[in-house]
Every structure is written in C-alpha cells, then in structure tokens.
Protein backbone atom coordinates (compact mmCIF):
# COMPACT_ATOMS: atom_id res chain seq x y z
CA MET A 1 -17.50 -0.65 17.91
CA THR A 2 -16.27 1.98 15.33
CA THR A 3 -18.79 2.26 12.98
CA THR A 4 -18.12 2.14 9.24
CA PRO A 5 -17.67 6.13 8.55
CA PRO A 6 -19.33 7.90 5.47
CA VAL A 7 -17.06 8.22 2.43
CA SER A 8 -16.88 10.87 -0.50
CA PRO A 9 -19.44 10.43 -2.95
CA GLU A 10 -16.38 9.33 -5.46
CA PHE A 11 -14.95 7.08 -3.35
CA ALA A 12 -18.67 5.53 -2.39
CA ALA A 13 -19.32 5.36 -6.45
CA ALA A 14 -16.13 3.31 -7.35
CA THR A 15 -16.63 0.87 -4.82
CA THR A 16 -19.79 -0.43 -4.72
CA ASN A 17 -19.18 -3.83 -5.80
CA HIS A 18 -17.43 -5.38 -2.47
CA GLU A 19 -18.27 -7.73 0.15
CA TRP A 20 -18.40 -7.63 3.90
CA VAL A 21 -15.99 -9.83 5.24
CA GLU A 22 -15.48 -10.58 8.99
CA ILE A 23 -11.59 -10.96 9.79
CA ASN A 24 -10.92 -11.34 13.49
CA GLY A 25 -13.89 -9.52 14.79
CA ASN A 26 -13.67 -6.73 12.07
CA ARG A 27 -15.78 -6.43 9.27
CA LEU A 28 -13.21 -6.09 5.90
CA ALA A 29 -14.70 -4.37 2.47
CA VAL A 30 -13.30 -6.59 0.26
CA GLU A 31 -13.20 -7.36 -3.35
CA VAL A 32 -12.52 -10.49 -5.49
CA LEU A 33 -11.02 -10.23 -8.86
CA GLY A 34 -10.49 -13.12 -11.80
CA PRO A 35 -11.26 -16.55 -12.30
CA GLU A 36 -10.93 -19.46 -9.48
CA GLY A 37 -8.45 -22.31 -9.74
CA VAL A 38 -5.53 -20.13 -10.21
CA PRO A 39 -2.59 -18.35 -7.77
CA VAL A 40 -4.02 -15.51 -5.59
CA ILE A 41 -2.53 -12.01 -4.85
CA ILE A 42 -3.59 -10.39 -2.02
CA THR A 43 -2.37 -6.88 -2.19
CA HIS A 44 -2.53 -4.15 0.47
CA HIS A 45 -2.88 -0.37 0.14
CA GLY A 46 -0.77 2.12 1.06
CA ALA A 47 -1.75 5.25 3.97
CA PRO A 48 -3.47 3.84 6.82
CA GLY A 49 -6.52 5.84 7.10
CA LEU A 50 -6.11 7.72 3.94
CA GLY A 51 -5.84 4.81 1.41
CA SER A 52 -8.14 2.10 0.23
CA ARG A 53 -8.87 -0.77 -2.08
CA ALA A 54 -9.28 1.65 -5.20
CA GLU A 55 -5.51 1.84 -6.18
CA PRO A 56 -4.66 -1.79 -5.72
CA ARG A 57 -8.19 -2.57 -7.46
CA ALA A 58 -6.70 -0.61 -10.63
CA SER A 59 -3.44 -1.27 -10.74
CA PHE A 60 -3.31 -5.43 -10.08
CA GLY A 61 -6.80 -5.56 -11.41
CA ARG A 62 -4.79 -5.66 -14.87
CA LEU A 63 -3.57 -8.90 -13.73
CA SER A 64 -7.25 -10.97 -13.13
CA ASP A 65 -7.27 -12.24 -16.28
CA GLU A 66 -4.13 -14.42 -14.81
CA TYR A 67 -4.20 -14.40 -11.41
CA ARG A 68 -6.92 -13.75 -8.86
CA ILE A 69 -6.58 -10.73 -6.93
CA VAL A 70 -7.67 -10.24 -3.41
CA VAL A 71 -8.29 -6.36 -2.69
CA PHE A 72 -9.21 -4.82 0.50
CA ASP A 73 -9.72 -2.04 2.94
CA ALA A 74 -7.59 -2.34 5.57
CA ARG A 75 -9.02 -2.37 9.55
CA GLY A 76 -9.64 1.23 10.19
CA SER A 77 -9.36 2.37 6.04
CA GLY A 78 -11.68 3.17 3.57
CA GLN A 79 -14.79 1.52 4.29
CA SER A 80 -14.06 -1.20 6.70
CA GLU A 81 -15.09 -1.45 10.43
CA GLY A 82 -11.86 0.23 12.25
CA ASN A 83 -12.27 -1.90 15.76
CA GLY A 84 -9.35 -3.12 17.93
CA THR A 85 -5.81 -2.29 17.10
CA PHE A 86 -4.13 -0.89 14.49
CA SER A 87 -0.95 -2.33 14.96
CA HIS A 88 1.09 -4.33 12.12
CA GLU A 89 0.59 -7.22 14.01
CA GLN A 90 -3.20 -7.09 13.82
CA TRP A 91 -3.15 -6.00 10.14
CA ALA A 92 -0.91 -9.05 9.32
CA ALA A 93 -3.40 -11.41 11.00
CA ASP A 94 -6.05 -9.54 8.86
CA ILE A 95 -4.00 -10.54 5.85
CA ASP A 96 -3.85 -14.20 6.88
CA GLY A 97 -7.74 -14.09 7.94
CA LEU A 98 -8.06 -12.92 3.94
CA ARG A 99 -6.14 -15.83 2.79
CA ASP A 100 -7.87 -18.56 4.74
CA TRP A 101 -11.30 -17.27 3.76
CA ILE A 102 -9.84 -16.96 -0.27
CA GLY A 103 -9.15 -20.88 0.18
CA ALA A 104 -5.49 -20.47 -0.35
CA GLU A 105 -2.58 -22.29 1.15
CA SER A 106 -0.29 -19.73 -0.13
CA ILE A 107 -0.14 -16.49 -1.69
CA VAL A 108 1.61 -13.69 -3.88
CA MET A 109 1.83 -10.64 -1.34
CA ALA A 110 1.86 -7.34 -2.50
CA GLY A 111 1.87 -3.96 -1.31
CA GLY A 112 2.81 -0.36 -2.29
CA SER A 113 4.06 2.62 0.32
CA TYR A 114 2.69 1.45 3.36
CA GLY A 115 1.08 -1.19 2.27
CA GLY A 116 4.62 -2.25 1.48
CA PHE A 117 5.68 -2.27 4.95
CA MET A 118 2.43 -4.26 5.56
CA ALA A 119 3.64 -7.02 2.75
CA MET A 120 7.11 -7.52 4.38
CA GLU A 121 6.00 -7.57 7.66
CA TYR A 122 3.27 -10.95 6.39
CA ALA A 123 6.37 -12.27 4.96
CA LEU A 124 8.44 -12.43 8.17
CA ARG A 125 5.44 -13.37 10.37
CA TYR A 126 3.88 -15.96 7.97
CA PRO A 127 6.65 -17.14 6.14
CA GLU A 128 5.23 -20.47 4.91
CA ARG A 129 2.01 -18.67 3.27
CA VAL A 130 3.73 -16.82 0.85
CA ASP A 131 5.38 -17.60 -2.61
CA ALA A 132 6.61 -14.11 -3.93
CA LEU A 133 6.35 -10.72 -3.26
CA VAL A 134 5.82 -7.96 -5.13
CA LEU A 135 6.79 -4.50 -3.16
CA ARG A 136 6.18 -0.39 -4.65
CA ASP A 137 7.76 2.80 -3.60
CA THR A 138 8.00 1.39 0.33
CA ALA A 139 10.79 1.26 2.72
CA PRO A 140 12.45 -1.26 5.01
CA ASP A 141 12.64 1.14 8.25
CA ASN A 142 11.47 4.75 9.55
CA SER A 143 14.38 6.53 8.03
CA ASN A 144 12.95 7.75 5.03
CA ALA A 145 11.14 9.68 7.20
CA HIS A 146 14.00 12.52 7.68
CA LEU A 147 14.69 12.19 3.68
CA ALA A 148 10.84 12.71 3.01
CA ARG A 149 11.31 15.84 5.45
CA GLU A 150 14.24 17.13 3.27
CA ASN A 151 12.84 16.35 0.22
CA ALA A 152 9.45 18.73 0.87
CA LEU A 153 11.36 21.35 2.11
CA ALA A 154 13.77 21.33 -0.85
CA SER A 155 10.45 21.06 -3.09
CA ASP A 156 10.39 23.88 -6.15
CA ARG A 157 6.57 23.12 -6.51
CA VAL A 158 4.65 24.54 -3.58
CA ASN A 159 5.78 25.94 -0.51
CA ILE A 160 5.05 23.19 2.24
CA ASP A 161 3.23 24.66 5.73
CA MET A 162 5.74 22.57 7.64
CA GLU A 163 3.15 22.56 10.69
CA LYS A 164 0.62 20.50 8.53
CA PHE A 165 3.48 18.38 7.09
CA ASP A 166 4.66 17.61 11.04
CA ARG A 167 1.20 17.16 12.18
CA ILE A 168 0.59 14.36 9.47
CA ASP A 169 4.07 12.94 9.44
CA VAL A 170 3.93 12.03 13.40
CA GLY A 171 0.10 11.15 13.40
CA LYS A 172 -1.34 14.22 15.63
CA VAL A 173 -4.25 15.48 13.33
CA HIS A 174 -7.09 16.32 14.64
CA ASP A 175 -9.76 14.70 13.16
CA ASN A 176 -11.15 13.81 9.54
CA ALA A 177 -11.32 17.29 8.65
CA ASP A 178 -7.20 18.22 9.54
CA LEU A 179 -6.33 15.15 7.99
CA LYS A 180 -7.82 15.95 4.58
CA ASP A 181 -6.37 19.54 5.14
CA CYS A 182 -2.78 18.34 5.82
CA TRP A 183 -3.01 15.47 2.87
CA ARG A 184 -3.96 18.17 0.61
CA GLU A 185 -0.69 20.33 1.72
CA ILE A 186 1.76 17.06 0.81
CA LEU A 187 0.24 15.97 -2.07
CA PRO A 188 1.90 17.94 -4.69
CA LEU A 189 5.06 16.24 -3.79
CA TYR A 190 4.18 12.86 -5.19
CA ASP A 191 3.63 13.26 -8.55
CA PHE A 192 6.38 13.04 -11.68
CA VAL A 193 4.36 16.04 -12.90
CA TYR A 194 2.56 18.48 -10.97
CA ASP A 195 -1.27 18.71 -11.78
CA PRO A 196 -2.94 21.08 -9.25
CA GLU A 197 -6.65 19.89 -10.74
CA ALA A 198 -5.30 16.12 -10.24
CA VAL A 199 -4.20 16.98 -6.79
CA GLU A 200 -7.91 18.56 -5.99
CA ARG A 201 -9.51 15.47 -7.44
CA LYS A 202 -7.65 13.33 -5.37
CA VAL A 203 -8.08 14.83 -2.34
CA GLU A 204 -12.29 14.91 -3.06
CA ALA A 205 -11.87 11.16 -3.76
CA THR A 206 -9.77 10.21 -0.30
CA PRO A 207 -11.53 8.44 2.39
CA TYR A 208 -10.31 9.99 4.96
CA ARG A 209 -10.16 7.95 8.70
CA TYR A 210 -7.80 10.01 11.07
CA GLU A 211 -7.76 7.39 14.04
CA ALA A 212 -5.90 4.63 11.82
CA HIS A 213 -3.54 7.19 10.14
CA ASN A 214 -2.47 8.75 14.06
CA TYR A 215 -2.12 5.22 15.05
CA ALA A 216 0.19 3.99 12.52
CA PHE A 217 2.41 7.07 12.05
CA SER A 218 2.18 7.79 15.98
CA VAL A 219 2.24 4.22 17.36
CA ASN A 220 3.47 2.01 14.78
CA LEU A 221 6.24 3.87 12.80
CA PRO A 222 8.61 5.21 15.34
CA ASN A 223 9.89 1.76 16.07
CA TYR A 224 9.32 0.28 12.35
CA ASP A 225 12.71 -1.65 11.33
CA LEU A 226 12.57 -4.99 9.35
CA LYS A 227 16.42 -4.52 7.98
CA PRO A 228 17.71 -7.00 10.37
CA ARG A 229 15.54 -9.41 9.26
CA LEU A 230 14.68 -9.18 5.60
CA HIS A 231 17.21 -11.70 5.09
CA GLU A 232 14.74 -14.21 6.11
CA ILE A 233 12.84 -13.15 3.33
CA THR A 234 13.81 -16.18 0.85
CA VAL A 235 10.96 -16.23 -1.86
CA PRO A 236 11.41 -14.43 -5.22
CA THR A 237 10.70 -10.58 -4.57
CA LEU A 238 10.12 -8.15 -6.96
CA ILE A 239 10.61 -4.08 -5.79
CA THR A 240 9.46 -1.46 -8.04
CA VAL A 241 10.15 2.41 -7.21
CA GLY A 242 10.01 5.99 -9.42
CA ARG A 243 13.05 7.60 -10.14
CA THR A 244 11.66 10.75 -7.93
CA ASP A 245 9.43 9.40 -5.16
CA TRP A 246 9.85 11.80 -2.37
CA ILE A 247 8.62 10.03 0.35
CA THR A 248 9.98 6.34 -0.22
CA PRO A 249 13.18 7.53 -2.46
CA VAL A 250 14.80 4.77 -4.47
CA SER A 251 17.61 4.71 -1.80
CA CYS A 252 14.89 3.05 0.26
CA SER A 253 14.05 0.37 -2.48
CA GLN A 254 18.16 -0.30 -3.12
CA THR A 255 18.05 -1.10 1.04
CA ILE A 256 15.64 -3.78 0.65
CA ALA A 257 17.48 -5.26 -2.36
CA ASP A 258 20.54 -5.32 -0.67
CA LEU A 259 18.93 -7.30 2.11
CA ILE A 260 16.50 -9.70 0.81
CA PRO A 261 18.58 -12.26 -1.43
CA ALA A 262 16.16 -13.42 -4.09
CA SER A 263 14.88 -9.92 -5.17
CA GLU A 264 15.44 -7.62 -8.06
CA LEU A 265 14.70 -3.92 -8.08
CA VAL A 266 13.05 -1.88 -11.19
CA VAL A 267 13.61 1.50 -11.27
CA PHE A 268 10.77 4.16 -13.56
CA GLU A 269 12.67 6.85 -14.59
CA LYS A 270 9.04 8.88 -15.21
CA SER A 271 7.49 8.42 -12.44
CA GLY A 272 7.28 9.67 -8.61
CA HIS A 273 5.70 7.52 -6.17
CA SER A 274 3.22 6.12 -8.45
CA PRO A 275 4.77 3.93 -11.40
CA GLN A 276 1.65 1.66 -11.14
CA ILE A 277 -0.26 4.73 -12.59
CA GLU A 278 2.21 7.22 -14.22
CA GLU A 279 4.16 4.16 -15.98
CA ALA A 280 0.93 1.84 -15.68
CA ASP A 281 2.04 -0.22 -18.99
CA ALA A 282 5.50 -0.66 -18.01
CA TRP A 283 4.93 -1.42 -14.49
CA THR A 284 2.02 -3.77 -15.65
CA ARG A 285 4.41 -5.60 -17.79
CA THR A 286 7.57 -5.87 -15.41
CA VAL A 287 4.85 -7.15 -12.77
CA ARG A 288 3.87 -9.84 -14.93
CA GLU A 289 6.71 -11.11 -16.63
CA PHE A 290 7.97 -11.12 -12.87
CA LEU A 291 4.96 -13.38 -11.81
CA HIS A 292 5.17 -15.30 -14.83
CA ARG A 293 9.36 -16.63 -14.02
CA VAL A 294 8.17 -17.23 -10.32
CA HIS A 295 4.57 -18.26 -9.97
CA ALA A 296 3.48 -18.66 -13.27
CA PRO A 297 -0.71 -18.74 -13.49
CA LEU A 298 -2.02 -22.35 -14.21
CA THR A 299 -2.93 -23.18 -17.83
CA ARG A 300 -6.56 -23.12 -18.22
CA PRO A 301 -8.55 -24.96 -20.88
C-alpha cells in the first residue's frame, strides 16, 4: 500500500475540513459543499501529482449557494492514497464511485487543465451519468505539448532550464524534491501577470506526488487523443480558456468546441492558464449563467 505522504503546512492548513471516502480500494480526501437536494457538480483538479482539491474548492465553491459541489484529491494526488494504477480508466472509475457515493444518478462534470482531460474521459466512458460539462484551459489530445514547448522557449519572462522542462514534461522526475524544483522552473509561464513572489508561494503550497505525475505524463499522455470521439458528447458543454494560456492554448479549446456539437467557447482576455482566478468574477458569472440555462438549480423554499 502507498501511504498518504506528508504535505506542506500551507496545504494542510487549507484542507482540514475533509472526509476520507474509500473508492475502489483507495482512500480519497473529499469535501462536499452546498445544500442537499440540488444538482451535483463533481470537479476534477488538474496536474496529477501537483494539483489538489484546493483550486476547484475555491473556484466552484462560489457556486455552492445553488449547487452541491464535490471536490477531491484524485488517487495519487494531494492527501489521497495512491494505491493501484493512475490510468485514465481508473481515475474515471473513481469519479463514478464518487457519484455513486454522493447519491446522484447524474452529475455536471467539470475540470480544468488535466482535470479537463478527465472530465471529457468521464463523459465518454459514462455518458448516461453526465448532464453537462464545464471545461477550463484544457486540450483534446497531446498536441498541446509541442505548442507549450514553443511557448516556453519564446517566453521573455524567464530563461527556462529546458532540461528541467523536458523532465517534468515527459514524466521523468526523480522524486518529490525534483518535482518541486522542476515545477518552480515552469510556474512563471502560467499567469497573465508575472509575480515572482506569488510563484514562490504557489511552489511552497503545492503537495508533491511524483509517482502520479510521472505515470500521467509518461504513460497516459503519449497516447491521449479524444478527438475521434468528441462528437459523441452530446450534453451541453462550456469551454473556458485564458487568452495567453501557454500550456493549453486557445487553439486547443477551439478544437474541442469544433468537435463537441452542443458546446460554447468563452475566451478570457486578461487571463493565462487560470481565468477562474485571474478573472474570477467574470468566469464565475459565465459558469453560473451557463448552468442556469442548461441545468438550473432546483427552487428551494
């Protein structure tokens, strides 16, 4: 068994109000926000081995006045256990296990960045369980990798150590300390406005789980390509992206919008990879208005 590793004090302090839920033989750290008896949104964080429920809690938590929001650390990330494999099939099965645990026949599935990969994977693997999709700064295949490398090389913010860039990009980091070092190298590329102090705060607050990261980037992504099947997603789909997103550029979101029939694309002009943070009010309003149209919350007394 892979035990739950220690995490940074900043992350631990921000993630104390959770419960352990055993899903498919693996304990997941889960939080549920919002009232009972309303539509359920399950949202998947990005960056396996680096991401956690902290980001979707902050962004989708704003909708918990009308929706029931389930956020969790995926198998192998954050505070969750890392038993078994980190395949897309397993992660999608874990999402469905959470859907069953929360007692929802169907859900709104949401995800940003790599979490968007998993949101689309879930919609294709469990189509009868999805009422709508909310995607953010994501891609339909692995072609964004070469675009991201070009953008990193062209950046005038910092000089990227491309040896570290390549190791994190192909899933060959050595351990958690090395993952942290490589993460620090590429973080300056993410935001619309570069703030070195904010970058360092993010570095220190991130929970590092190199095994999940390496598996995702060395095993899952080389063959990741959902384009041939995206036409099968027929539920209403909102796609949001920051104009200057370097790692999953607008062209990736445009491809998804072109292939999913009932989709709409919204580009946030003053955001990088995180419009849910950089243009929080506008992004939240966009998501709420979309949900009101396609999956309105129930009227409560």
